[in-house]
């Protein structure tokens, strides 16, 4: 996955992550 900005250029995607301090 590339930055959301790059995803939106290709398709109208939005990605939301749930993270701990160390990981997704």
PDBML (XML) file of the C-alpha atoms, coordinates in Angstrom:
<?xml version="1.0" encoding="UTF-8" ?>
<PDBx:datablock datablockName="MODEL"
   xmlns:PDBx="http://pdbml.pdb.org/schema/pdbx-v50.xsd"
   xmlns:xsi="http://www.w3.org/2001/XMLSchema-instance"
   xsi:schemaLocation="http://pdbml.pdb.org/schema/pdbx-v50.xsd pdbx-v50.xsd">
   <PDBx:atom_siteCategory>
      <PDBx:atom_site id="1">
         <PDBx:B_iso_or_equiv>0.00</PDBx:B_iso_or_equiv>
         <PDBx:Cartn_x>0.000</PDBx:Cartn_x>
         <PDBx:Cartn_y>0.000</PDBx:Cartn_y>
         <PDBx:Cartn_z>0.000</PDBx:Cartn_z>
         <PDBx:auth_asym_id>A</PDBx:auth_asym_id>
         <PDBx:auth_atom_id>CA</PDBx:auth_atom_id>
         <PDBx:auth_comp_id>UNK</PDBx:auth_comp_id>
         <PDBx:auth_seq_id>1</PDBx:auth_seq_id>
         <PDBx:group_PDB>ATOM</PDBx:group_PDB>
         <PDBx:label_alt_id xsi:nil="true" />
         <PDBx:label_asym_id>A</PDBx:label_asym_id>
         <PDBx:label_atom_id>CA</PDBx:label_atom_id>
         <PDBx:label_comp_id>UNK</PDBx:label_comp_id>
         <PDBx:label_entity_id>1</PDBx:label_entity_id>
         <PDBx:label_seq_id>1</PDBx:label_seq_id>
         <PDBx:occupancy>1.00</PDBx:occupancy>
         <PDBx:pdbx_PDB_model_num>1</PDBx:pdbx_PDB_model_num>
         <PDBx:type_symbol>C</PDBx:type_symbol>
      </PDBx:atom_site>
      <PDBx:atom_site id="2">
         <PDBx:B_iso_or_equiv>0.00</PDBx:B_iso_or_equiv>
         <PDBx:Cartn_x>1.163</PDBx:Cartn_x>
         <PDBx:Cartn_y>3.443</PDBx:Cartn_y>
         <PDBx:Cartn_z>-0.949</PDBx:Cartn_z>
         <PDBx:auth_asym_id>A</PDBx:auth_asym_id>
         <PDBx:auth_atom_id>CA</PDBx:auth_atom_id>
         <PDBx:auth_comp_id>UNK</PDBx:auth_comp_id>
         <PDBx:auth_seq_id>2</PDBx:auth_seq_id>
         <PDBx:group_PDB>ATOM</PDBx:group_PDB>
         <PDBx:label_alt_id xsi:nil="true" />
         <PDBx:label_asym_id>A</PDBx:label_asym_id>
         <PDBx:label_atom_id>CA</PDBx:label_atom_id>
         <PDBx:label_comp_id>UNK</PDBx:label_comp_id>
         <PDBx:label_entity_id>1</PDBx:label_entity_id>
         <PDBx:label_seq_id>2</PDBx:label_seq_id>
         <PDBx:occupancy>1.00</PDBx:occupancy>
         <PDBx:pdbx_PDB_model_num>1</PDBx:pdbx_PDB_model_num>
         <PDBx:type_symbol>C</PDBx:type_symbol>
      </PDBx:atom_site>
      <PDBx:atom_site id="3">
         <PDBx:B_iso_or_equiv>0.00</PDBx:B_iso_or_equiv>
         <PDBx:Cartn_x>0.085</PDBx:Cartn_x>
         <PDBx:Cartn_y>6.649</PDBx:Cartn_y>
         <PDBx:Cartn_z>0.796</PDBx:Cartn_z>
         <PDBx:auth_asym_id>A</PDBx:auth_asym_id>
         <PDBx:auth_atom_id>CA</PDBx:auth_atom_id>
         <PDBx:auth_comp_id>UNK</PDBx:auth_comp_id>
         <PDBx:auth_seq_id>3</PDBx:auth_seq_id>
         <PDBx:group_PDB>ATOM</PDBx:group_PDB>
         <PDBx:label_alt_id xsi:nil="true" />
         <PDBx:label_asym_id>A</PDBx:label_asym_id>
         <PDBx:label_atom_id>CA</PDBx:label_atom_id>
         <PDBx:label_comp_id>UNK</PDBx:label_comp_id>
         <PDBx:label_entity_id>1</PDBx:label_entity_id>
         <PDBx:label_seq_id>3</PDBx:label_seq_id>
         <PDBx:occupancy>1.00</PDBx:occupancy>
         <PDBx:pdbx_PDB_model_num>1</PDBx:pdbx_PDB_model_num>
         <PDBx:type_symbol>C</PDBx:type_symbol>
      </PDBx:atom_site>
      <PDBx:atom_site id="4">
         <PDBx:B_iso_or_equiv>0.00</PDBx:B_iso_or_equiv>
         <PDBx:Cartn_x>-3.657</PDBx:Cartn_x>
         <PDBx:Cartn_y>7.276</PDBx:Cartn_y>
         <PDBx:Cartn_z>0.699</PDBx:Cartn_z>
         <PDBx:auth_asym_id>A</PDBx:auth_asym_id>
         <PDBx:auth_atom_id>CA</PDBx:auth_atom_id>
         <PDBx:auth_comp_id>UNK</PDBx:auth_comp_id>
         <PDBx:auth_seq_id>4</PDBx:auth_seq_id>
         <PDBx:group_PDB>ATOM</PDBx:group_PDB>
         <PDBx:label_alt_id xsi:nil="true" />
         <PDBx:label_asym_id>A</PDBx:label_asym_id>
         <PDBx:label_atom_id>CA</PDBx:label_atom_id>
         <PDBx:label_comp_id>UNK</PDBx:label_comp_id>
         <PDBx:label_entity_id>1</PDBx:label_entity_id>
         <PDBx:label_seq_id>4</PDBx:label_seq_id>
         <PDBx:occupancy>1.00</PDBx:occupancy>
         <PDBx:pdbx_PDB_model_num>1</PDBx:pdbx_PDB_model_num>
         <PDBx:type_symbol>C</PDBx:type_symbol>
      </PDBx:atom_site>
      <PDBx:atom_site id="5">
         <PDBx:B_iso_or_equiv>0.00</PDBx:B_iso_or_equiv>
         <PDBx:Cartn_x>-3.084</PDBx:Cartn_x>
         <PDBx:Cartn_y>10.312</PDBx:Cartn_y>
         <PDBx:Cartn_z>-1.516</PDBx:Cartn_z>
         <PDBx:auth_asym_id>A</PDBx:auth_asym_id>
         <PDBx:auth_atom_id>CA</PDBx:auth_atom_id>
         <PDBx:auth_comp_id>UNK</PDBx:auth_comp_id>
         <PDBx:auth_seq_id>5</PDBx:auth_seq_id>
         <PDBx:group_PDB>ATOM</PDBx:group_PDB>
         <PDBx:label_alt_id xsi:nil="true" />
         <PDBx:label_asym_id>A</PDBx:label_asym_id>
         <PDBx:label_atom_id>CA</PDBx:label_atom_id>
         <PDBx:label_comp_id>UNK</PDBx:label_comp_id>
         <PDBx:label_entity_id>1</PDBx:label_entity_id>
         <PDBx:label_seq_id>5</PDBx:label_seq_id>
         <PDBx:occupancy>1.00</PDBx:occupancy>
         <PDBx:pdbx_PDB_model_num>1</PDBx:pdbx_PDB_model_num>
         <PDBx:type_symbol>C</PDBx:type_symbol>
      </PDBx:atom_site>
      <PDBx:atom_site id="6">
         <PDBx:B_iso_or_equiv>0.00</PDBx:B_iso_or_equiv>
         <PDBx:Cartn_x>-1.656</PDBx:Cartn_x>
         <PDBx:Cartn_y>8.015</PDBx:Cartn_y>
         <PDBx:Cartn_z>-4.196</PDBx:Cartn_z>
         <PDBx:auth_asym_id>A</PDBx:auth_asym_id>
         <PDBx:auth_atom_id>CA</PDBx:auth_atom_id>
         <PDBx:auth_comp_id>UNK</PDBx:auth_comp_id>
         <PDBx:auth_seq_id>6</PDBx:auth_seq_id>
         <PDBx:group_PDB>ATOM</PDBx:group_PDB>
         <PDBx:label_alt_id xsi:nil="true" />
         <PDBx:label_asym_id>A</PDBx:label_asym_id>
         <PDBx:label_atom_id>CA</PDBx:label_atom_id>
         <PDBx:label_comp_id>UNK</PDBx:label_comp_id>
         <PDBx:label_entity_id>1</PDBx:label_entity_id>
         <PDBx:label_seq_id>6</PDBx:label_seq_id>
         <PDBx:occupancy>1.00</PDBx:occupancy>
         <PDBx:pdbx_PDB_model_num>1</PDBx:pdbx_PDB_model_num>
         <PDBx:type_symbol>C</PDBx:type_symbol>
      </PDBx:atom_site>
      <PDBx:atom_site id="7">
         <PDBx:B_iso_or_equiv>0.00</PDBx:B_iso_or_equiv>
         <PDBx:Cartn_x>-4.544</PDBx:Cartn_x>
         <PDBx:Cartn_y>5.559</PDBx:Cartn_y>
         <PDBx:Cartn_z>-3.793</PDBx:Cartn_z>
         <PDBx:auth_asym_id>A</PDBx:auth_asym_id>
         <PDBx:auth_atom_id>CA</PDBx:auth_atom_id>
         <PDBx:auth_comp_id>UNK</PDBx:auth_comp_id>
         <PDBx:auth_seq_id>7</PDBx:auth_seq_id>
         <PDBx:group_PDB>ATOM</PDBx:group_PDB>
         <PDBx:label_alt_id xsi:nil="true" />
         <PDBx:label_asym_id>A</PDBx:label_asym_id>
         <PDBx:label_atom_id>CA</PDBx:label_atom_id>
         <PDBx:label_comp_id>UNK</PDBx:label_comp_id>
         <PDBx:label_entity_id>1</PDBx:label_entity_id>
         <PDBx:label_seq_id>7</PDBx:label_seq_id>
         <PDBx:occupancy>1.00</PDBx:occupancy>
         <PDBx:pdbx_PDB_model_num>1</PDBx:pdbx_PDB_model_num>
         <PDBx:type_symbol>C</PDBx:type_symbol>
      </PDBx:atom_site>
      <PDBx:atom_site id="8">
         <PDBx:B_iso_or_equiv>0.00</PDBx:B_iso_or_equiv>
         <PDBx:Cartn_x>-7.067</PDBx:Cartn_x>
         <PDBx:Cartn_y>8.366</PDBx:Cartn_y>
         <PDBx:Cartn_z>-4.276</PDBx:Cartn_z>
         <PDBx:auth_asym_id>A</PDBx:auth_asym_id>
         <PDBx:auth_atom_id>CA</PDBx:auth_atom_id>
         <PDBx:auth_comp_id>UNK</PDBx:auth_comp_id>
         <PDBx:auth_seq_id>8</PDBx:auth_seq_id>
         <PDBx:group_PDB>ATOM</PDBx:group_PDB>
         <PDBx:label_alt_id xsi:nil="true" />
         <PDBx:label_asym_id>A</PDBx:label_asym_id>
         <PDBx:label_atom_id>CA</PDBx:label_atom_id>
         <PDBx:label_comp_id>UNK</PDBx:label_comp_id>
         <PDBx:label_entity_id>1</PDBx:label_entity_id>
         <PDBx:label_seq_id>8</PDBx:label_seq_id>
         <PDBx:occupancy>1.00</PDBx:occupancy>
         <PDBx:pdbx_PDB_model_num>1</PDBx:pdbx_PDB_model_num>
         <PDBx:type_symbol>C</PDBx:type_symbol>
      </PDBx:atom_site>
      <PDBx:atom_site id="9">
         <PDBx:B_iso_or_equiv>0.00</PDBx:B_iso_or_equiv>
         <PDBx:Cartn_x>-5.404</PDBx:Cartn_x>
         <PDBx:Cartn_y>9.389</PDBx:Cartn_y>
         <PDBx:Cartn_z>-7.537</PDBx:Cartn_z>
         <PDBx:auth_asym_id>A</PDBx:auth_asym_id>
         <PDBx:auth_atom_id>CA</PDBx:auth_atom_id>
         <PDBx:auth_comp_id>UNK</PDBx:auth_comp_id>
         <PDBx:auth_seq_id>9</PDBx:auth_seq_id>
         <PDBx:group_PDB>ATOM</PDBx:group_PDB>
         <PDBx:label_alt_id xsi:nil="true" />
         <PDBx:label_asym_id>A</PDBx:label_asym_id>
         <PDBx:label_atom_id>CA</PDBx:label_atom_id>
         <PDBx:label_comp_id>UNK</PDBx:label_comp_id>
         <PDBx:label_entity_id>1</PDBx:label_entity_id>
         <PDBx:label_seq_id>9</PDBx:label_seq_id>
         <PDBx:occupancy>1.00</PDBx:occupancy>
         <PDBx:pdbx_PDB_model_num>1</PDBx:pdbx_PDB_model_num>
         <PDBx:type_symbol>C</PDBx:type_symbol>
      </PDBx:atom_site>
      <PDBx:atom_site id="10">
         <PDBx:B_iso_or_equiv>0.00</PDBx:B_iso_or_equiv>
         <PDBx:Cartn_x>-6.083</PDBx:Cartn_x>
         <PDBx:Cartn_y>5.932</PDBx:Cartn_y>
         <PDBx:Cartn_z>-8.946</PDBx:Cartn_z>
         <PDBx:auth_asym_id>A</PDBx:auth_asym_id>
         <PDBx:auth_atom_id>CA</PDBx:auth_atom_id>
         <PDBx:auth_comp_id>UNK</PDBx:auth_comp_id>
         <PDBx:auth_seq_id>10</PDBx:auth_seq_id>
         <PDBx:group_PDB>ATOM</PDBx:group_PDB>
         <PDBx:label_alt_id xsi:nil="true" />
         <PDBx:label_asym_id>A</PDBx:label_asym_id>
         <PDBx:label_atom_id>CA</PDBx:label_atom_id>
         <PDBx:label_comp_id>UNK</PDBx:label_comp_id>
         <PDBx:label_entity_id>1</PDBx:label_entity_id>
         <PDBx:label_seq_id>10</PDBx:label_seq_id>
         <PDBx:occupancy>1.00</PDBx:occupancy>
         <PDBx:pdbx_PDB_model_num>1</PDBx:pdbx_PDB_model_num>
         <PDBx:type_symbol>C</PDBx:type_symbol>
      </PDBx:atom_site>
      <PDBx:atom_site id="11">
         <PDBx:B_iso_or_equiv>0.00</PDBx:B_iso_or_equiv>
         <PDBx:Cartn_x>-9.453</PDBx:Cartn_x>
         <PDBx:Cartn_y>5.243</PDBx:Cartn_y>
         <PDBx:Cartn_z>-7.310</PDBx:Cartn_z>
         <PDBx:auth_asym_id>A</PDBx:auth_asym_id>
         <PDBx:auth_atom_id>CA</PDBx:auth_atom_id>
         <PDBx:auth_comp_id>UNK</PDBx:auth_comp_id>
         <PDBx:auth_seq_id>11</PDBx:auth_seq_id>
         <PDBx:group_PDB>ATOM</PDBx:group_PDB>
         <PDBx:label_alt_id xsi:nil="true" />
         <PDBx:label_asym_id>A</PDBx:label_asym_id>
         <PDBx:label_atom_id>CA</PDBx:label_atom_id>
         <PDBx:label_comp_id>UNK</PDBx:label_comp_id>
         <PDBx:label_entity_id>1</PDBx:label_entity_id>
         <PDBx:label_seq_id>11</PDBx:label_seq_id>
         <PDBx:occupancy>1.00</PDBx:occupancy>
         <PDBx:pdbx_PDB_model_num>1</PDBx:pdbx_PDB_model_num>
         <PDBx:type_symbol>C</PDBx:type_symbol>
      </PDBx:atom_site>
      <PDBx:atom_site id="12">
         <PDBx:B_iso_or_equiv>0.00</PDBx:B_iso_or_equiv>
         <PDBx:Cartn_x>-11.485</PDBx:Cartn_x>
         <PDBx:Cartn_y>6.912</PDBx:Cartn_y>
         <PDBx:Cartn_z>-4.573</PDBx:Cartn_z>
         <PDBx:auth_asym_id>A</PDBx:auth_asym_id>
         <PDBx:auth_atom_id>CA</PDBx:auth_atom_id>
         <PDBx:auth_comp_id>UNK</PDBx:auth_comp_id>
         <PDBx:auth_seq_id>12</PDBx:auth_seq_id>
         <PDBx:group_PDB>ATOM</PDBx:group_PDB>
         <PDBx:label_alt_id xsi:nil="true" />
         <PDBx:label_asym_id>A</PDBx:label_asym_id>
         <PDBx:label_atom_id>CA</PDBx:label_atom_id>
         <PDBx:label_comp_id>UNK</PDBx:label_comp_id>
         <PDBx:label_entity_id>1</PDBx:label_entity_id>
         <PDBx:label_seq_id>12</PDBx:label_seq_id>
         <PDBx:occupancy>1.00</PDBx:occupancy>
         <PDBx:pdbx_PDB_model_num>1</PDBx:pdbx_PDB_model_num>
         <PDBx:type_symbol>C</PDBx:type_symbol>
      </PDBx:atom_site>
      <PDBx:atom_site id="13">
         <PDBx:B_iso_or_equiv>0.00</PDBx:B_iso_or_equiv>
         <PDBx:Cartn_x>-10.200</PDBx:Cartn_x>
         <PDBx:Cartn_y>4.682</PDBx:Cartn_y>
         <PDBx:Cartn_z>-1.757</PDBx:Cartn_z>
         <PDBx:auth_asym_id>A</PDBx:auth_asym_id>
         <PDBx:auth_atom_id>CA</PDBx:auth_atom_id>
         <PDBx:auth_comp_id>UNK</PDBx:auth_comp_id>
         <PDBx:auth_seq_id>13</PDBx:auth_seq_id>
         <PDBx:group_PDB>ATOM</PDBx:group_PDB>
         <PDBx:label_alt_id xsi:nil="true" />
         <PDBx:label_asym_id>A</PDBx:label_asym_id>
         <PDBx:label_atom_id>CA</PDBx:label_atom_id>
         <PDBx:label_comp_id>UNK</PDBx:label_comp_id>
         <PDBx:label_entity_id>1</PDBx:label_entity_id>
         <PDBx:label_seq_id>13</PDBx:label_seq_id>
         <PDBx:occupancy>1.00</PDBx:occupancy>
         <PDBx:pdbx_PDB_model_num>1</PDBx:pdbx_PDB_model_num>
         <PDBx:type_symbol>C</PDBx:type_symbol>
      </PDBx:atom_site>
      <PDBx:atom_site id="14">
         <PDBx:B_iso_or_equiv>0.00</PDBx:B_iso_or_equiv>
         <PDBx:Cartn_x>-9.752</PDBx:Cartn_x>
         <PDBx:Cartn_y>5.566</PDBx:Cartn_y>
         <PDBx:Cartn_z>1.867</PDBx:Cartn_z>
         <PDBx:auth_asym_id>A</PDBx:auth_asym_id>
         <PDBx:auth_atom_id>CA</PDBx:auth_atom_id>
         <PDBx:auth_comp_id>UNK</PDBx:auth_comp_id>
         <PDBx:auth_seq_id>14</PDBx:auth_seq_id>
         <PDBx:group_PDB>ATOM</PDBx:group_PDB>
         <PDBx:label_alt_id xsi:nil="true" />
         <PDBx:label_asym_id>A</PDBx:label_asym_id>
         <PDBx:label_atom_id>CA</PDBx:label_atom_id>
         <PDBx:label_comp_id>UNK</PDBx:label_comp_id>
         <PDBx:label_entity_id>1</PDBx:label_entity_id>
         <PDBx:label_seq_id>14</PDBx:label_seq_id>
         <PDBx:occupancy>1.00</PDBx:occupancy>
         <PDBx:pdbx_PDB_model_num>1</PDBx:pdbx_PDB_model_num>
         <PDBx:type_symbol>C</PDBx:type_symbol>
      </PDBx:atom_site>
      <PDBx:atom_site id="15">
         <PDBx:B_iso_or_equiv>0.00</PDBx:B_iso_or_equiv>
         <PDBx:Cartn_x>-7.771</PDBx:Cartn_x>
         <PDBx:Cartn_y>3.351</PDBx:Cartn_y>
         <PDBx:Cartn_z>4.238</PDBx:Cartn_z>
         <PDBx:auth_asym_id>A</PDBx:auth_asym_id>
         <PDBx:auth_atom_id>CA</PDBx:auth_atom_id>
         <PDBx:auth_comp_id>UNK</PDBx:auth_comp_id>
         <PDBx:auth_seq_id>15</PDBx:auth_seq_id>
         <PDBx:group_PDB>ATOM</PDBx:group_PDB>
         <PDBx:label_alt_id xsi:nil="true" />
         <PDBx:label_asym_id>A</PDBx:label_asym_id>
         <PDBx:label_atom_id>CA</PDBx:label_atom_id>
         <PDBx:label_comp_id>UNK</PDBx:label_comp_id>
         <PDBx:label_entity_id>1</PDBx:label_entity_id>
         <PDBx:label_seq_id>15</PDBx:label_seq_id>
         <PDBx:occupancy>1.00</PDBx:occupancy>
         <PDBx:pdbx_PDB_model_num>1</PDBx:pdbx_PDB_model_num>
         <PDBx:type_symbol>C</PDBx:type_symbol>
      </PDBx:atom_site>
      <PDBx:atom_site id="16">
         <PDBx:B_iso_or_equiv>0.00</PDBx:B_iso_or_equiv>
         <PDBx:Cartn_x>-8.097</PDBx:Cartn_x>
         <PDBx:Cartn_y>3.544</PDBx:Cartn_y>
         <PDBx:Cartn_z>7.994</PDBx:Cartn_z>
         <PDBx:auth_asym_id>A</PDBx:auth_asym_id>
         <PDBx:auth_atom_id>CA</PDBx:auth_atom_id>
         <PDBx:auth_comp_id>UNK</PDBx:auth_comp_id>
         <PDBx:auth_seq_id>16</PDBx:auth_seq_id>
         <PDBx:group_PDB>ATOM</PDBx:group_PDB>
         <PDBx:label_alt_id xsi:nil="true" />
         <PDBx:label_asym_id>A</PDBx:label_asym_id>
         <PDBx:label_atom_id>CA</PDBx:label_atom_id>
         <PDBx:label_comp_id>UNK</PDBx:label_comp_id>
         <PDBx:label_entity_id>1</PDBx:label_entity_id>
         <PDBx:label_seq_id>16</PDBx:label_seq_id>
         <PDBx:occupancy>1.00</PDBx:occupancy>
         <PDBx:pdbx_PDB_model_num>1</PDBx:pdbx_PDB_model_num>
         <PDBx:type_symbol>C</PDBx:type_symbol>
      </PDBx:atom_site>
      <PDBx:atom_site id="17">
         <PDBx:B_iso_or_equiv>0.00</PDBx:B_iso_or_equiv>
         <PDBx:Cartn_x>-5.587</PDBx:Cartn_x>
         <PDBx:Cartn_y>1.757</PDBx:Cartn_y>
         <PDBx:Cartn_z>10.226</PDBx:Cartn_z>
         <PDBx:auth_asym_id>A</PDBx:auth_asym_id>
         <PDBx:auth_atom_id>CA</PDBx:auth_atom_id>
         <PDBx:auth_comp_id>UNK</PDBx:auth_comp_id>
         <PDBx:auth_seq_id>17</PDBx:auth_seq_id>
         <PDBx:group_PDB>ATOM</PDBx:group_PDB>
         <PDBx:label_alt_id xsi:nil="true" />
         <PDBx:label_asym_id>A</PDBx:label_asym_id>
         <PDBx:label_atom_id>CA</PDBx:label_atom_id>
         <PDBx:label_comp_id>UNK</PDBx:label_comp_id>
         <PDBx:label_entity_id>1</PDBx:label_entity_id>
         <PDBx:label_seq_id>17</PDBx:label_seq_id>
         <PDBx:occupancy>1.00</PDBx:occupancy>
         <PDBx:pdbx_PDB_model_num>1</PDBx:pdbx_PDB_model_num>
         <PDBx:type_symbol>C</PDBx:type_symbol>
      </PDBx:atom_site>
      <PDBx:atom_site id="18">
         <PDBx:B_iso_or_equiv>0.00</PDBx:B_iso_or_equiv>
         <PDBx:Cartn_x>-5.897</PDBx:Cartn_x>
         <PDBx:Cartn_y>0.516</PDBx:Cartn_y>
         <PDBx:Cartn_z>13.794</PDBx:Cartn_z>
         <PDBx:auth_asym_id>A</PDBx:auth_asym_id>
         <PDBx:auth_atom_id>CA</PDBx:auth_atom_id>
         <PDBx:auth_comp_id>UNK</PDBx:auth_comp_id>
         <PDBx:auth_seq_id>18</PDBx:auth_seq_id>
         <PDBx:group_PDB>ATOM</PDBx:group_PDB>
         <PDBx:label_alt_id xsi:nil="true" />
         <PDBx:label_asym_id>A</PDBx:label_asym_id>
         <PDBx:label_atom_id>CA</PDBx:label_atom_id>
         <PDBx:label_comp_id>UNK</PDBx:label_comp_id>
         <PDBx:label_entity_id>1</PDBx:label_entity_id>
         <PDBx:label_seq_id>18</PDBx:label_seq_id>
         <PDBx:occupancy>1.00</PDBx:occupancy>
         <PDBx:pdbx_PDB_model_num>1</PDBx:pdbx_PDB_model_num>
         <PDBx:type_symbol>C</PDBx:type_symbol>
      </PDBx:atom_site>
      <PDBx:atom_site id="19">
         <PDBx:B_iso_or_equiv>0.00</PDBx:B_iso_or_equiv>
         <PDBx:Cartn_x>-2.453</PDBx:Cartn_x>
         <PDBx:Cartn_y>0.578</PDBx:Cartn_y>
         <PDBx:Cartn_z>15.346</PDBx:Cartn_z>
         <PDBx:auth_asym_id>A</PDBx:auth_asym_id>
         <PDBx:auth_atom_id>CA</PDBx:auth_atom_id>
         <PDBx:auth_comp_id>UNK</PDBx:auth_comp_id>
         <PDBx:auth_seq_id>19</PDBx:auth_seq_id>
         <PDBx:group_PDB>ATOM</PDBx:group_PDB>
         <PDBx:label_alt_id xsi:nil="true" />
         <PDBx:label_asym_id>A</PDBx:label_asym_id>
         <PDBx:label_atom_id>CA</PDBx:label_atom_id>
         <PDBx:label_comp_id>UNK</PDBx:label_comp_id>
         <PDBx:label_entity_id>1</PDBx:label_entity_id>
         <PDBx:label_seq_id>19</PDBx:label_seq_id>
         <PDBx:occupancy>1.00</PDBx:occupancy>
         <PDBx:pdbx_PDB_model_num>1</PDBx:pdbx_PDB_model_num>
         <PDBx:type_symbol>C</PDBx:type_symbol>
      </PDBx:atom_site>
      <PDBx:atom_site id="20">
         <PDBx:B_iso_or_equiv>0.00</PDBx:B_iso_or_equiv>
         <PDBx:Cartn_x>-0.557</PDBx:Cartn_x>
         <PDBx:Cartn_y>-0.150</PDBx:Cartn_y>
         <PDBx:Cartn_z>18.520</PDBx:Cartn_z>
         <PDBx:auth_asym_id>A</PDBx:auth_asym_id>
         <PDBx:auth_atom_id>CA</PDBx:auth_atom_id>
         <PDBx:auth_comp_id>UNK</PDBx:auth_comp_id>
         <PDBx:auth_seq_id>20</PDBx:auth_seq_id>
         <PDBx:group_PDB>ATOM</PDBx:group_PDB>
         <PDBx:label_alt_id xsi:nil="true" />
         <PDBx:label_asym_id>A</PDBx:label_asym_id>
         <PDBx:label_atom_id>CA</PDBx:label_atom_id>
         <PDBx:label_comp_id>UNK</PDBx:label_comp_id>
         <PDBx:label_entity_id>1</PDBx:label_entity_id>
         <PDBx:label_seq_id>20</PDBx:label_seq_id>
         <PDBx:occupancy>1.00</PDBx:occupancy>
         <PDBx:pdbx_PDB_model_num>1</PDBx:pdbx_PDB_model_num>
         <PDBx:type_symbol>C</PDBx:type_symbol>
      </PDBx:atom_site>
      <PDBx:atom_site id="21">
         <PDBx:B_iso_or_equiv>0.00</PDBx:B_iso_or_equiv>
         <PDBx:Cartn_x>2.568</PDBx:Cartn_x>
         <PDBx:Cartn_y>1.917</PDBx:Cartn_y>
         <PDBx:Cartn_z>19.202</PDBx:Cartn_z>
         <PDBx:auth_asym_id>A</PDBx:auth_asym_id>
         <PDBx:auth_atom_id>CA</PDBx:auth_atom_id>
         <PDBx:auth_comp_id>UNK</PDBx:auth_comp_id>
         <PDBx:auth_seq_id>21</PDBx:auth_seq_id>
         <PDBx:group_PDB>ATOM</PDBx:group_PDB>
         <PDBx:label_alt_id xsi:nil="true" />
         <PDBx:label_asym_id>A</PDBx:label_asym_id>
         <PDBx:label_atom_id>CA</PDBx:label_atom_id>
         <PDBx:label_comp_id>UNK</PDBx:label_comp_id>
         <PDBx:label_entity_id>1</PDBx:label_entity_id>
         <PDBx:label_seq_id>21</PDBx:label_seq_id>
         <PDBx:occupancy>1.00</PDBx:occupancy>
         <PDBx:pdbx_PDB_model_num>1</PDBx:pdbx_PDB_model_num>
         <PDBx:type_symbol>C</PDBx:type_symbol>
      </PDBx:atom_site>
      <PDBx:atom_site id="22">
         <PDBx:B_iso_or_equiv>0.00</PDBx:B_iso_or_equiv>
         <PDBx:Cartn_x>4.647</PDBx:Cartn_x>
         <PDBx:Cartn_y>-0.666</PDBx:Cartn_y>
         <PDBx:Cartn_z>17.294</PDBx:Cartn_z>
         <PDBx:auth_asym_id>A</PDBx:auth_asym_id>
         <PDBx:auth_atom_id>CA</PDBx:auth_atom_id>
         <PDBx:auth_comp_id>UNK</PDBx:auth_comp_id>
         <PDBx:auth_seq_id>22</PDBx:auth_seq_id>
         <PDBx:group_PDB>ATOM</PDBx:group_PDB>
         <PDBx:label_alt_id xsi:nil="true" />
         <PDBx:label_asym_id>A</PDBx:label_asym_id>
         <PDBx:label_atom_id>CA</PDBx:label_atom_id>
         <PDBx:label_comp_id>UNK</PDBx:label_comp_id>
         <PDBx:label_entity_id>1</PDBx:label_entity_id>
         <PDBx:label_seq_id>22</PDBx:label_seq_id>
         <PDBx:occupancy>1.00</PDBx:occupancy>
         <PDBx:pdbx_PDB_model_num>1</PDBx:pdbx_PDB_model_num>
         <PDBx:type_symbol>C</PDBx:type_symbol>
      </PDBx:atom_site>
      <PDBx:atom_site id="23">
         <PDBx:B_iso_or_equiv>0.00</PDBx:B_iso_or_equiv>
         <PDBx:Cartn_x>2.431</PDBx:Cartn_x>
         <PDBx:Cartn_y>-2.123</PDBx:Cartn_y>
         <PDBx:Cartn_z>14.590</PDBx:Cartn_z>
         <PDBx:auth_asym_id>A</PDBx:auth_asym_id>
         <PDBx:auth_atom_id>CA</PDBx:auth_atom_id>
         <PDBx:auth_comp_id>UNK</PDBx:auth_comp_id>
         <PDBx:auth_seq_id>23</PDBx:auth_seq_id>
         <PDBx:group_PDB>ATOM</PDBx:group_PDB>
         <PDBx:label_alt_id xsi:nil="true" />
         <PDBx:label_asym_id>A</PDBx:label_asym_id>
         <PDBx:label_atom_id>CA</PDBx:label_atom_id>
         <PDBx:label_comp_id>UNK</PDBx:label_comp_id>
         <PDBx:label_entity_id>1</PDBx:label_entity_id>
         <PDBx:label_seq_id>23</PDBx:label_seq_id>
         <PDBx:occupancy>1.00</PDBx:occupancy>
         <PDBx:pdbx_PDB_model_num>1</PDBx:pdbx_PDB_model_num>
         <PDBx:type_symbol>C</PDBx:type_symbol>
      </PDBx:atom_site>
      <PDBx:atom_site id="24">
         <PDBx:B_iso_or_equiv>0.00</PDBx:B_iso_or_equiv>
         <PDBx:Cartn_x>-0.660</PDBx:Cartn_x>
         <PDBx:Cartn_y>-2.133</PDBx:Cartn_y>
         <PDBx:Cartn_z>12.422</PDBx:Cartn_z>
         <PDBx:auth_asym_id>A</PDBx:auth_asym_id>
         <PDBx:auth_atom_id>CA</PDBx:auth_atom_id>
         <PDBx:auth_comp_id>UNK</PDBx:auth_comp_id>
         <PDBx:auth_seq_id>24</PDBx:auth_seq_id>
         <PDBx:group_PDB>ATOM</PDBx:group_PDB>
         <PDBx:label_alt_id xsi:nil="true" />
         <PDBx:label_asym_id>A</PDBx:label_asym_id>
         <PDBx:label_atom_id>CA</PDBx:label_atom_id>
         <PDBx:label_comp_id>UNK</PDBx:label_comp_id>
         <PDBx:label_entity_id>1</PDBx:label_entity_id>
         <PDBx:label_seq_id>24</PDBx:label_seq_id>
         <PDBx:occupancy>1.00</PDBx:occupancy>
         <PDBx:pdbx_PDB_model_num>1</PDBx:pdbx_PDB_model_num>
         <PDBx:type_symbol>C</PDBx:type_symbol>
      </PDBx:atom_site>
   </PDBx:atom_siteCategory>
</PDBx:datablock>
